[in-house]
């Protein structure tokens, strides 16, 4: 099966002309043209409504901004935490030798030391 050639188109036009008559043929063509225009308008409108690219870009910008904000908050909290004095391991071992107890290393004995 090939494409429709000129002889086939002529036969189709003659059949349409005989079915609808010469007076009704222009009305049918106008109606068909209006239908095609309306269909194209509706598809273009739907495409513009479904165009998600600008929304995607806005969403990406918002997410990247939120990520940067969280990074900055973490950096600030790390910097603040680094400024606090931290007891060294040596001072902990000095405390255990002062009391005469040996360092056991388990959490229960460490909790008792803190009391």
PDB file of N, CA and C in Angstrom:
ATOM      1  N   UNK A   1       0.843  -1.171   0.000  1.00  0.00           N
ATOM      2  CA  UNK A   1       0.000   0.000   0.000  1.00  0.00           C
ATOM      3  C   UNK A   1       0.887   1.233   0.000  1.00  0.00           C
ATOM      4  N   UNK A   2       0.677   2.041  -0.966  1.00  0.00           N
ATOM      5  CA  UNK A   2       1.452   3.262  -1.084  1.00  0.00           C
ATOM      6  C   UNK A   2       0.666   4.461  -0.605  1.00  0.00           C
ATOM      7  N   UNK A   3       1.208   5.622  -0.900  1.00  0.00           N
ATOM      8  CA  UNK A   3       0.527   6.849  -0.500  1.00  0.00           C
ATOM      9  C   UNK A   3      -0.588   7.158  -1.506  1.00  0.00           C
ATOM     10  N   UNK A   4      -1.462   8.067  -1.111  1.00  0.00           N
ATOM     11  CA  UNK A   4      -2.588   8.432  -1.984  1.00  0.00           C
ATOM     12  C   UNK A   4      -2.069   9.345  -3.084  1.00  0.00           C
ATOM     13  N   UNK A   5      -2.325   8.968  -4.321  1.00  0.00           N
ATOM     14  CA  UNK A   5      -1.869   9.743  -5.461  1.00  0.00           C
ATOM     15  C   UNK A   5      -2.964  10.661  -5.979  1.00  0.00           C
ATOM     16  N   UNK A   6      -2.670  11.333  -7.066  1.00  0.00           N
ATOM     17  CA  UNK A   6      -3.615  12.284  -7.653  1.00  0.00           C
ATOM     18  C   UNK A   6      -4.888  11.607  -8.167  1.00  0.00           C
ATOM     19  N   UNK A   7      -4.818  10.460  -8.826  1.00  0.00           N
ATOM     20  CA  UNK A   7      -6.066   9.835  -9.295  1.00  0.00           C
ATOM     21  C   UNK A   7      -7.002   9.460  -8.141  1.00  0.00           C
ATOM     22  N   UNK A   8      -6.423   8.993  -7.034  1.00  0.00           N
ATOM     23  CA  UNK A   8      -7.257   8.632  -5.883  1.00  0.00           C
ATOM     24  C   UNK A   8      -7.931   9.864  -5.279  1.00  0.00           C
ATOM     25  N   UNK A   9      -7.185  10.968  -5.200  1.00  0.00           N
ATOM     26  CA  UNK A   9      -7.764  12.208  -4.671  1.00  0.00           C
ATOM     27  C   UNK A   9      -8.924  12.704  -5.535  1.00  0.00           C
ATOM     28  N   UNK A  10      -8.781  12.582  -6.850  1.00  0.00           N
ATOM     29  CA  UNK A  10      -9.849  13.022  -7.750  1.00  0.00           C
ATOM     30  C   UNK A  10     -11.098  12.171  -7.533  1.00  0.00           C
ATOM     31  N   UNK A  11     -10.936  10.871  -7.377  1.00  0.00           N
ATOM     32  CA  UNK A  11     -12.075   9.987  -7.149  1.00  0.00           C
ATOM     33  C   UNK A  11     -12.756  10.340  -5.825  1.00  0.00           C
ATOM     34  N   UNK A  12     -11.968  10.592  -4.767  1.00  0.00           N
ATOM     35  CA  UNK A  12     -12.540  10.958  -3.462  1.00  0.00           C
ATOM     36  C   UNK A  12     -13.321  12.263  -3.574  1.00  0.00           C
ATOM     37  N   UNK A  13     -12.757  13.247  -4.285  1.00  0.00           N
ATOM     38  CA  UNK A  13     -13.456  14.538  -4.445  1.00  0.00           C
ATOM     39  C   UNK A  13     -14.766  14.369  -5.207  1.00  0.00           C
ATOM     40  N   UNK A  14     -14.778  13.546  -6.237  1.00  0.00           N
ATOM     41  CA  UNK A  14     -16.011  13.317  -6.988  1.00  0.00           C
ATOM     42  C   UNK A  14     -17.069  12.641  -6.122  1.00  0.00           C
ATOM     43  N   UNK A  15     -16.682  11.683  -5.300  1.00  0.00           N
ATOM     44  CA  UNK A  15     -17.634  10.998  -4.423  1.00  0.00           C
ATOM     45  C   UNK A  15     -18.212  11.985  -3.412  1.00  0.00           C
ATOM     46  N   UNK A  16     -17.366  12.834  -2.827  1.00  0.00           N
ATOM     47  CA  UNK A  16     -17.840  13.840  -1.861  1.00  0.00           C
ATOM     48  C   UNK A  16     -18.776  14.820  -2.548  1.00  0.00           C
ATOM     49  N   UNK A  17     -18.442  15.253  -3.732  1.00  0.00           N
ATOM     50  CA  UNK A  17     -19.287  16.187  -4.485  1.00  0.00           C
ATOM     51  C   UNK A  17     -20.643  15.569  -4.792  1.00  0.00           C
ATOM     52  N   UNK A  18     -20.673  14.299  -5.133  1.00  0.00           N
ATOM     53  CA  UNK A  18     -21.946  13.642  -5.447  1.00  0.00           C
ATOM     54  C   UNK A  18     -22.783  13.426  -4.174  1.00  0.00           C
ATOM     55  N   UNK A  19     -22.117  13.141  -3.046  1.00  0.00           N
ATOM     56  CA  UNK A  19     -22.862  12.907  -1.809  1.00  0.00           C
ATOM     57  C   UNK A  19     -23.465  14.187  -1.240  1.00  0.00           C
ATOM     58  N   UNK A  20     -22.709  15.264  -1.210  1.00  0.00           N
ATOM     59  CA  UNK A  20     -23.151  16.477  -0.529  1.00  0.00           C
ATOM     60  C   UNK A  20     -23.655  17.568  -1.463  1.00  0.00           C
ATOM     61  N   UNK A  21     -23.322  17.543  -2.694  1.00  0.00           N
ATOM     62  CA  UNK A  21     -23.775  18.562  -3.627  1.00  0.00           C
ATOM     63  C   UNK A  21     -22.861  19.779  -3.621  1.00  0.00           C
ATOM     64  N   UNK A  22     -22.977  20.563  -4.680  1.00  0.00           N
ATOM     65  CA  UNK A  22     -22.083  21.718  -4.839  1.00  0.00           C
ATOM     66  C   UNK A  22     -22.437  22.857  -3.894  1.00  0.00           C
ATOM     67  N   UNK A  23     -23.694  22.953  -3.433  1.00  0.00           N
ATOM     68  CA  UNK A  23     -24.090  24.044  -2.542  1.00  0.00           C
ATOM     69  C   UNK A  23     -23.587  23.795  -1.106  1.00  0.00           C
ATOM     70  N   UNK A  24     -23.551  22.552  -0.696  1.00  0.00           N
ATOM     71  CA  UNK A  24     -23.157  22.247   0.683  1.00  0.00           C
ATOM     72  C   UNK A  24     -21.660  22.067   0.859  1.00  0.00           C
ATOM     73  N   UNK A  25     -20.935  21.893  -0.209  1.00  0.00           N
ATOM     74  CA  UNK A  25     -19.498  21.655  -0.139  1.00  0.00           C
ATOM     75  C   UNK A  25     -18.733  22.812   0.513  1.00  0.00           C
ATOM     76  N   UNK A  26     -18.997  24.083   0.179  1.00  0.00           N
ATOM     77  CA  UNK A  26     -18.289  25.189   0.855  1.00  0.00           C
ATOM     78  C   UNK A  26     -18.577  25.249   2.363  1.00  0.00           C
ATOM     79  N   UNK A  27     -19.819  24.929   2.752  1.00  0.00           N
ATOM     80  CA  UNK A  27     -20.156  24.916   4.179  1.00  0.00           C
ATOM     81  C   UNK A  27     -19.352  23.844   4.907  1.00  0.00           C
ATOM     82  N   UNK A  28     -19.228  22.686   4.304  1.00  0.00           N
ATOM     83  CA  UNK A  28     -18.450  21.605   4.912  1.00  0.00           C
ATOM     84  C   UNK A  28     -16.977  21.995   5.041  1.00  0.00           C
ATOM     85  N   UNK A  29     -16.441  22.638   4.022  1.00  0.00           N
ATOM     86  CA  UNK A  29     -15.035  23.057   4.059  1.00  0.00           C
ATOM     87  C   UNK A  29     -14.814  24.086   5.159  1.00  0.00           C
ATOM     88  N   UNK A  30     -15.744  25.047   5.304  1.00  0.00           N
ATOM     89  CA  UNK A  30     -15.641  26.046   6.370  1.00  0.00           C
ATOM     90  C   UNK A  30     -15.683  25.389   7.743  1.00  0.00           C
ATOM     91  N   UNK A  31     -16.604  24.498   7.918  1.00  0.00           N
ATOM     92  CA  UNK A  31     -16.716  23.787   9.201  1.00  0.00           C
ATOM     93  C   UNK A  31     -15.470  22.968   9.514  1.00  0.00           C
ATOM     94  N   UNK A  32     -14.941  22.322   8.495  1.00  0.00           N
ATOM     95  CA  UNK A  32     -13.717  21.551   8.682  1.00  0.00           C
ATOM     96  C   UNK A  32     -12.546  22.463   9.047  1.00  0.00           C
ATOM     97  N   UNK A  33     -12.453  23.607   8.395  1.00  0.00           N
ATOM     98  CA  UNK A  33     -11.391  24.577   8.703  1.00  0.00           C
ATOM     99  C   UNK A  33     -11.499  25.102  10.126  1.00  0.00           C
ATOM    100  N   UNK A  34     -12.731  25.430  10.565  1.00  0.00           N
ATOM    101  CA  UNK A  34     -12.938  25.905  11.936  1.00  0.00           C
ATOM    102  C   UNK A  34     -12.567  24.819  12.944  1.00  0.00           C
ATOM    103  N   UNK A  35     -12.928  23.596  12.637  1.00  0.00           N
ATOM    104  CA  UNK A  35     -12.592  22.483  13.539  1.00  0.00           C
ATOM    105  C   UNK A  35     -11.093  22.286  13.684  1.00  0.00           C
ATOM    106  N   UNK A  36     -10.386  22.385  12.565  1.00  0.00           N
ATOM    107  CA  UNK A  36      -8.927  22.228  12.599  1.00  0.00           C
ATOM    108  C   UNK A  36      -8.290  23.379  13.381  1.00  0.00           C
ATOM    109  N   UNK A  37      -8.758  24.620  13.147  1.00  0.00           N
ATOM    110  CA  UNK A  37      -8.231  25.774  13.892  1.00  0.00           C
ATOM    111  C   UNK A  37      -8.467  25.631  15.390  1.00  0.00           C
ATOM    112  N   UNK A  38      -9.663  25.204  15.773  1.00  0.00           N
ATOM    113  CA  UNK A  38      -9.992  25.019  17.189  1.00  0.00           C
ATOM    114  C   UNK A  38      -9.114  23.935  17.814  1.00  0.00           C
ATOM    115  N   UNK A  39      -8.880  22.876  17.084  1.00  0.00           N
ATOM    116  CA  UNK A  39      -8.025  21.803  17.582  1.00  0.00           C
ATOM    117  C   UNK A  39      -6.590  22.296  17.791  1.00  0.00           C
ATOM    118  N   UNK A  40      -6.060  23.051  16.827  1.00  0.00           N
ATOM    119  CA  UNK A  40      -4.705  23.595  16.970  1.00  0.00           C
ATOM    120  C   UNK A  40      -4.622  24.554  18.152  1.00  0.00           C
ATOM    121  N   UNK A  41      -5.642  25.394  18.327  1.00  0.00           N
ATOM    122  CA  UNK A  41      -5.651  26.336  19.437  1.00  0.00           C
ATOM    123  C   UNK A  41      -5.661  25.595  20.770  1.00  0.00           C
ATOM    124  N   UNK A  42      -6.465  24.560  20.859  1.00  0.00           N
ATOM    125  CA  UNK A  42      -6.553  23.790  22.099  1.00  0.00           C
ATOM    126  C   UNK A  42      -5.243  23.068  22.399  1.00  0.00           C
ATOM    127  N   UNK A  43      -4.607  22.513  21.383  1.00  0.00           N
ATOM    128  CA  UNK A  43      -3.332  21.823  21.624  1.00  0.00           C
ATOM    129  C   UNK A  43      -2.242  22.811  22.036  1.00  0.00           C
ATOM    130  N   UNK A  44      -2.212  23.990  21.424  1.00  0.00           N
ATOM    131  CA  UNK A  44      -1.223  24.996  21.814  1.00  0.00           C
ATOM    132  C   UNK A  44      -1.467  25.478  23.243  1.00  0.00           C
ATOM    133  N   UNK A  45      -2.721  25.657  23.607  1.00  0.00           N
ATOM    134  CA  UNK A  45      -3.067  26.083  24.961  1.00  0.00           C
ATOM    135  C   UNK A  45      -2.640  25.012  25.970  1.00  0.00           C
ATOM    136  N   UNK A  46      -2.881  23.778  25.637  1.00  0.00           N
ATOM    137  CA  UNK A  46      -2.490  22.683  26.523  1.00  0.00           C
ATOM    138  C   UNK A  46      -0.974  22.597  26.661  1.00  0.00           C
ATOM    139  N   UNK A  47      -0.258  22.794  25.555  1.00  0.00           N
ATOM    140  CA  UNK A  47       1.206  22.782  25.608  1.00  0.00           C
ATOM    141  C   UNK A  47       1.721  23.888  26.512  1.00  0.00           C
ATOM    142  N   UNK A  48       1.143  25.081  26.412  1.00  0.00           N
ATOM    143  CA  UNK A  48       1.607  26.194  27.249  1.00  0.00           C
ATOM    144  C   UNK A  48       1.298  25.943  28.720  1.00  0.00           C
ATOM    145  N   UNK A  49       0.178  25.301  29.019  1.00  0.00           N
ATOM    146  CA  UNK A  49      -0.158  24.984  30.406  1.00  0.00           C
ATOM    147  C   UNK A  49       0.758  23.910  30.959  1.00  0.00           C
ATOM    148  N   UNK A  50       1.160  22.987  30.117  1.00  0.00           N
ATOM    149  CA  UNK A  50       2.000  21.886  30.563  1.00  0.00           C
ATOM    150  C   UNK A  50       3.480  22.185  30.454  1.00  0.00           C
ATOM    151  N   UNK A  51       3.838  23.389  30.060  1.00  0.00           N
ATOM    152  CA  UNK A  51       5.242  23.752  29.946  1.00  0.00           C
ATOM    153  C   UNK A  51       5.814  23.880  31.352  1.00  0.00           C
ATOM    154  N   UNK A  52       6.502  22.844  31.792  1.00  0.00           N
ATOM    155  CA  UNK A  52       6.990  22.772  33.161  1.00  0.00           C
ATOM    156  C   UNK A  52       8.438  23.242  33.296  1.00  0.00           C
ATOM    157  N   UNK A  53       9.073  23.584  32.212  1.00  0.00           N
ATOM    158  CA  UNK A  53      10.477  23.992  32.280  1.00  0.00           C
ATOM    159  C   UNK A  53      10.689  25.202  33.192  1.00  0.00           C
ATOM    160  N   UNK A  54       9.911  26.278  33.074  1.00  0.00           N
ATOM    161  CA  UNK A  54      10.119  27.403  34.000  1.00  0.00           C
ATOM    162  C   UNK A  54       9.856  27.010  35.451  1.00  0.00           C
ATOM    163  N   UNK A  55       8.868  26.177  35.690  1.00  0.00           N
ATOM    164  CA  UNK A  55       8.583  25.732  37.054  1.00  0.00           C
ATOM    165  C   UNK A  55       9.725  24.885  37.595  1.00  0.00           C
ATOM    166  N   UNK A  56      10.299  24.050  36.751  1.00  0.00           N
ATOM    167  CA  UNK A  56      11.398  23.202  37.165  1.00  0.00           C
ATOM    168  C   UNK A  56      12.608  24.045  37.552  1.00  0.00           C
ATOM    169  N   UNK A  57      12.889  25.084  36.735  1.00  0.00           N
ATOM    170  CA  UNK A  57      14.022  25.959  37.041  1.00  0.00           C
ATOM    171  C   UNK A  57      13.811  26.687  38.361  1.00  0.00           C
ATOM    172  N   UNK A  58      12.608  27.187  38.600  1.00  0.00           N
ATOM    173  CA  UNK A  58      12.310  27.868  39.864  1.00  0.00           C
ATOM    174  C   UNK A  58      12.461  26.917  41.038  1.00  0.00           C
ATOM    175  N   UNK A  59      11.993  25.691  40.869  1.00  0.00           N
ATOM    176  CA  UNK A  59      12.093  24.693  41.928  1.00  0.00           C
ATOM    177  C   UNK A  59      13.556  24.371  42.234  1.00  0.00           C
ATOM    178  N   UNK A  60      14.378  24.227  41.177  1.00  0.00           N
ATOM    179  CA  UNK A  60      15.799  23.946  41.370  1.00  0.00           C
ATOM    180  C   UNK A  60      16.485  25.087  42.114  1.00  0.00           C
ATOM    181  N   UNK A  61      16.157  26.332  41.759  1.00  0.00           N
ATOM    182  CA  UNK A  61      16.752  27.482  42.441  1.00  0.00           C
ATOM    183  C   UNK A  61      16.374  27.477  43.917  1.00  0.00           C
ATOM    184  N   UNK A  62      15.129  27.199  44.218  1.00  0.00           N
ATOM    185  CA  UNK A  62      14.668  27.184  45.601  1.00  0.00           C
ATOM    186  C   UNK A  62      15.373  26.086  46.393  1.00  0.00           C
ATOM    187  N   UNK A  63      15.495  24.906  45.810  1.00  0.00           N
ATOM    188  CA  UNK A  63      16.152  23.796  46.487  1.00  0.00           C
ATOM    189  C   UNK A  63      17.627  24.108  46.712  1.00  0.00           C
ATOM    190  N   UNK A  64      18.296  24.653  45.698  1.00  0.00           N
ATOM    191  CA  UNK A  64      19.708  24.993  45.855  1.00  0.00           C
ATOM    192  C   UNK A  64      19.890  26.049  46.942  1.00  0.00           C
ATOM    193  N   UNK A  65      18.993  27.014  47.004  1.00  0.00           N
ATOM    194  CA  UNK A  65      19.053  28.021  48.056  1.00  0.00           C
ATOM    195  C   UNK A  65      18.889  27.402  49.433  1.00  0.00           C
ATOM    196  N   UNK A  66      17.958  26.471  49.560  1.00  0.00           N
ATOM    197  CA  UNK A  66      17.756  25.785  50.840  1.00  0.00           C
ATOM    198  C   UNK A  66      18.986  24.969  51.229  1.00  0.00           C
ATOM    199  N   UNK A  67      19.588  24.310  50.255  1.00  0.00           N
ATOM    200  CA  UNK A  67      20.785  23.518  50.524  1.00  0.00           C
ATOM    201  C   UNK A  67      21.926  24.424  50.987  1.00  0.00           C
ATOM    202  N   UNK A  68      22.106  25.561  50.316  1.00  0.00           N
ATOM    203  CA  UNK A  68      23.150  26.500  50.717  1.00  0.00           C
ATOM    204  C   UNK A  68      22.901  27.028  52.128  1.00  0.00           C
ATOM    205  N   UNK A  69      21.641  27.293  52.450  1.00  0.00           N
ATOM    206  CA  UNK A  69      21.293  27.782  53.783  1.00  0.00           C
ATOM    207  C   UNK A  69      21.638  26.738  54.851  1.00  0.00           C
ATOM    208  N   UNK A  70      21.343  25.484  54.584  1.00  0.00           N
ATOM    209  CA  UNK A  70      21.654  24.415  55.531  1.00  0.00           C
ATOM    210  C   UNK A  70      23.170  24.271  55.678  1.00  0.00           C
ATOM    211  N   UNK A  71      23.908  24.365  54.560  1.00  0.00           N
ATOM    212  CA  UNK A  71      25.369  24.289  54.620  1.00  0.00           C
ATOM    213  C   UNK A  71      25.928  25.404  55.495  1.00  0.00           C
ATOM    214  N   UNK A  72      25.425  26.617  55.288  1.00  0.00           N
ATOM    215  CA  UNK A  72      25.899  27.750  56.082  1.00  0.00           C
ATOM    216  C   UNK A  72      25.590  27.557  57.561  1.00  0.00           C
ATOM    217  N   UNK A  73      24.397  27.068  57.866  1.00  0.00           N
ATOM    218  CA  UNK A  73      24.037  26.813  59.263  1.00  0.00           C
ATOM    219  C   UNK A  73      24.964  25.772  59.885  1.00  0.00           C
ATOM    220  N   UNK A  74      25.264  24.718  59.124  1.00  0.00           N
ATOM    221  CA  UNK A  74      26.170  23.691  59.631  1.00  0.00           C
ATOM    222  C   UNK A  74      27.574  24.247  59.842  1.00  0.00           C
ATOM    223  N   UNK A  75      28.054  25.035  58.883  1.00  0.00           N
ATOM    224  CA  UNK A  75      29.381  25.633  59.024  1.00  0.00           C
ATOM    225  C   UNK A  75      29.448  26.520  60.259  1.00  0.00           C
ATOM    226  N   UNK A  76      28.409  27.322  60.486  1.00  0.00           N
ATOM    227  CA  UNK A  76      28.376  28.199  61.657  1.00  0.00           C
ATOM    228  C   UNK A  76      28.365  27.389  62.944  1.00  0.00           C
ATOM    229  N   UNK A  77      27.572  26.329  62.982  1.00  0.00           N
ATOM    230  CA  UNK A  77      27.507  25.533  64.202  1.00  0.00           C
ATOM    231  C   UNK A  77      28.826  24.804  64.450  1.00  0.00           C
ATOM    232  N   UNK A  78      29.520  24.399  63.408  1.00  0.00           N
ATOM    233  CA  UNK A  78      30.822  23.753  63.567  1.00  0.00           C
ATOM    234  C   UNK A  78      31.830  24.766  64.080  1.00  0.00           C
ATOM    235  N   UNK A  79      31.790  25.988  63.556  1.00  0.00           N
ATOM    236  CA  UNK A  79      32.716  27.025  64.005  1.00  0.00           C
ATOM    237  C   UNK A  79      32.453  27.400  65.457  1.00  0.00           C
ATOM    238  N   UNK A  80      31.199  27.501  65.840  1.00  0.00           N
ATOM    239  CA  UNK A  80      30.853  27.816  67.215  1.00  0.00           C
ATOM    240  C   UNK A  80      31.282  26.679  68.127  1.00  0.00           C
ATOM    241  N   UNK A  81      31.082  25.454  67.701  1.00  0.00           N
ATOM    242  CA  UNK A  81      31.479  24.291  68.485  1.00  0.00           C
ATOM    243  C   UNK A  81      32.982  24.205  68.637  1.00  0.00           C
ATOM    244  N   UNK A  82      33.750  24.634  67.655  1.00  0.00           N
ATOM    245  CA  UNK A  82      35.207  24.582  67.727  1.00  0.00           C
ATOM    246  C   UNK A  82      35.744  25.626  68.698  1.00  0.00           C
ATOM    247  N   UNK A  83      35.005  26.692  68.937  1.00  0.00           N
ATOM    248  CA  UNK A  83      35.449  27.745  69.848  1.00  0.00           C
ATOM    249  C   UNK A  83      35.261  27.363  71.312  1.00  0.00           C
ATOM    250  N   UNK A  84      34.406  26.395  71.607  1.00  0.00           N
ATOM    251  CA  UNK A  84      34.180  25.970  72.979  1.00  0.00           C
ATOM    252  C   UNK A  84      35.392  25.185  73.465  1.00  0.00           C
ATOM    253  N   UNK A  85      35.796  25.375  74.717  1.00  0.00           N
ATOM    254  CA  UNK A  85      36.933  24.605  75.220  1.00  0.00           C
ATOM    255  C   UNK A  85      36.553  23.139  75.378  1.00  0.00           C
ATOM    256  N   UNK A  86      37.428  22.286  74.937  1.00  0.00           N
ATOM    257  CA  UNK A  86      37.186  20.855  74.995  1.00  0.00           C
ATOM    258  C   UNK A  86      38.172  20.253  75.991  1.00  0.00           C
ATOM    259  N   UNK A  87      37.682  19.421  76.893  1.00  0.00           N
ATOM    260  CA  UNK A  87      38.564  18.748  77.839  1.00  0.00           C
ATOM    261  C   UNK A  87      39.409  17.740  77.094  1.00  0.00           C
ATOM    262  N   UNK A  88      40.657  17.789  77.297  1.00  0.00           N
ATOM    263  CA  UNK A  88      41.537  16.870  76.584  1.00  0.00           C
ATOM    264  C   UNK A  88      41.529  15.507  77.259  1.00  0.00           C
ATOM    265  N   UNK A  89      42.035  14.529  76.568  1.00  0.00           N
ATOM    266  CA  UNK A  89      42.086  13.172  77.089  1.00  0.00           C
ATOM    267  C   UNK A  89      43.052  13.124  78.278  1.00  0.00           C
ATOM    268  N   UNK A  90      44.123  13.897  78.217  1.00  0.00           N
ATOM    269  CA  UNK A  90      45.101  13.918  79.305  1.00  0.00           C
ATOM    270  C   UNK A  90      44.458  14.394  80.598  1.00  0.00           C
ATOM    271  N   UNK A  91      43.617  15.409  80.525  1.00  0.00           N
ATOM    272  CA  UNK A  91      42.995  15.921  81.742  1.00  0.00           C
ATOM    273  C   UNK A  91      42.024  14.896  82.312  1.00  0.00           C
ATOM    274  N   UNK A  92      41.381  14.101  81.474  1.00  0.00           N
ATOM    275  CA  UNK A  92      40.493  13.045  81.959  1.00  0.00           C
ATOM    276  C   UNK A  92      41.291  11.995  82.717  1.00  0.00           C
ATOM    277  N   UNK A  93      42.464  11.614  82.185  1.00  0.00           N
ATOM    278  CA  UNK A  93      43.268  10.600  82.857  1.00  0.00           C
ATOM    279  C   UNK A  93      43.850  11.159  84.150  1.00  0.00           C
ATOM    280  N   UNK A  94      44.138  12.455  84.187  1.00  0.00           N
ATOM    281  CA  UNK A  94      44.615  13.084  85.413  1.00  0.00           C
ATOM    282  C   UNK A  94      43.547  13.038  86.484  1.00  0.00           C
ATOM    283  N   UNK A  95      42.284  13.236  86.110  1.00  0.00           N
ATOM    284  CA  UNK A  95      41.189  13.206  87.065  1.00  0.00           C
ATOM    285  C   UNK A  95      41.049  11.828  87.683  1.00  0.00           C
ATOM    286  N   UNK A  96      41.213  10.778  86.889  1.00  0.00           N
ATOM    287  CA  UNK A  96      41.051   9.424  87.420  1.00  0.00           C
ATOM    288  C   UNK A  96      42.202   9.060  88.341  1.00  0.00           C
ATOM    289  N   UNK A  97      43.398   9.568  88.055  1.00  0.00           N
ATOM    290  CA  UNK A  97      44.533   9.266  88.930  1.00  0.00           C
ATOM    291  C   UNK A  97      44.431  10.041  90.238  1.00  0.00           C
ATOM    292  N   UNK A  98      43.779  11.192  90.210  1.00  0.00           N
ATOM    293  CA  UNK A  98      43.622  11.987  91.418  1.00  0.00           C
ATOM    294  C   UNK A  98      42.708  11.288  92.407  1.00  0.00           C
ATOM    295  N   UNK A  99      41.706  10.618  91.918  1.00  0.00           N
ATOM    296  CA  UNK A  99      40.761   9.965  92.812  1.00  0.00           C
ATOM    297  C   UNK A  99      41.238   8.589  93.216  1.00  0.00           C
ATOM    298  N   UNK A 100      42.269   8.075  92.577  1.00  0.00           N
ATOM    299  CA  UNK A 100      42.817   6.783  92.935  1.00  0.00           C
ATOM    300  C   UNK A 100      42.121   5.636  92.235  1.00  0.00           C
ATOM    301  N   UNK A 101      41.205   5.912  91.322  1.00  0.00           N
ATOM    302  CA  UNK A 101      40.494   4.856  90.598  1.00  0.00           C
ATOM    303  C   UNK A 101      41.155   4.660  89.245  1.00  0.00           C
ATOM    304  N   UNK A 102      41.094   3.452  88.719  1.00  0.00           N
ATOM    305  CA  UNK A 102      41.614   3.198  87.382  1.00  0.00           C
ATOM    306  C   UNK A 102      40.512   3.460  86.371  1.00  0.00           C
ATOM    307  N   UNK A 103      40.936   3.874  85.209  1.00  0.00           N
ATOM    308  CA  UNK A 103      39.974   4.167  84.138  1.00  0.00           C
ATOM    309  C   UNK A 103      39.496   2.862  83.548  1.00  0.00           C
ATOM    310  N   UNK A 104      38.162   2.624  83.602  1.00  0.00           N
ATOM    311  CA  UNK A 104      37.631   1.351  83.124  1.00  0.00           C
ATOM    312  C   UNK A 104      37.228   1.408  81.655  1.00  0.00           C
ATOM    313  N   UNK A 105      36.762   2.528  81.186  1.00  0.00           N
ATOM    314  CA  UNK A 105      36.408   2.681  79.781  1.00  0.00           C
ATOM    315  C   UNK A 105      34.966   2.365  79.472  1.00  0.00           C
ATOM    316  N   UNK A 106      34.165   1.879  80.439  1.00  0.00           N
ATOM    317  CA  UNK A 106      32.765   1.633  80.102  1.00  0.00           C
ATOM    318  C   UNK A 106      31.918   2.819  80.552  1.00  0.00           C
ATOM    319  N   UNK A 107      30.755   2.948  79.989  1.00  0.00           N
ATOM    320  CA  UNK A 107      29.915   4.121  80.177  1.00  0.00           C
ATOM    321  C   UNK A 107      29.350   4.211  81.588  1.00  0.00           C
ATOM    322  N   UNK A 108      29.104   3.098  82.252  1.00  0.00           N
ATOM    323  CA  UNK A 108      28.507   3.120  83.582  1.00  0.00           C
ATOM    324  C   UNK A 108      29.467   3.734  84.591  1.00  0.00           C
ATOM    325  N   UNK A 109      30.745   3.339  84.525  1.00  0.00           N
ATOM    326  CA  UNK A 109      31.697   3.903  85.474  1.00  0.00           C
ATOM    327  C   UNK A 109      31.976   5.363  85.166  1.00  0.00           C
ATOM    328  N   UNK A 110      31.945   5.728  83.871  1.00  0.00           N
ATOM    329  CA  UNK A 110      32.130   7.131  83.485  1.00  0.00           C
ATOM    330  C   UNK A 110      30.993   7.983  84.007  1.00  0.00           C
ATOM    331  N   UNK A 111      29.780   7.443  84.011  1.00  0.00           N
ATOM    332  CA  UNK A 111      28.617   8.200  84.498  1.00  0.00           C
ATOM    333  C   UNK A 111      28.726   8.401  85.993  1.00  0.00           C
ATOM    334  N   UNK A 112      29.240   7.399  86.714  1.00  0.00           N
ATOM    335  CA  UNK A 112      29.412   7.529  88.159  1.00  0.00           C
ATOM    336  C   UNK A 112      30.467   8.572  88.472  1.00  0.00           C
ATOM    337  N   UNK A 113      31.505   8.663  87.638  1.00  0.00           N
ATOM    338  CA  UNK A 113      32.553   9.664  87.850  1.00  0.00           C
ATOM    339  C   UNK A 113      31.973  11.060  87.715  1.00  0.00           C
ATOM    340  N   UNK A 114      31.046  11.234  86.781  1.00  0.00           N
ATOM    341  CA  UNK A 114      30.457  12.551  86.526  1.00  0.00           C
ATOM    342  C   UNK A 114      29.606  13.029  87.687  1.00  0.00           C
ATOM    343  N   UNK A 115      29.109  12.126  88.505  1.00  0.00           N
ATOM    344  CA  UNK A 115      28.246  12.510  89.627  1.00  0.00           C
ATOM    345  C   UNK A 115      29.094  13.028  90.696  1.00  0.00           C
TER     346      UNK A 115
END
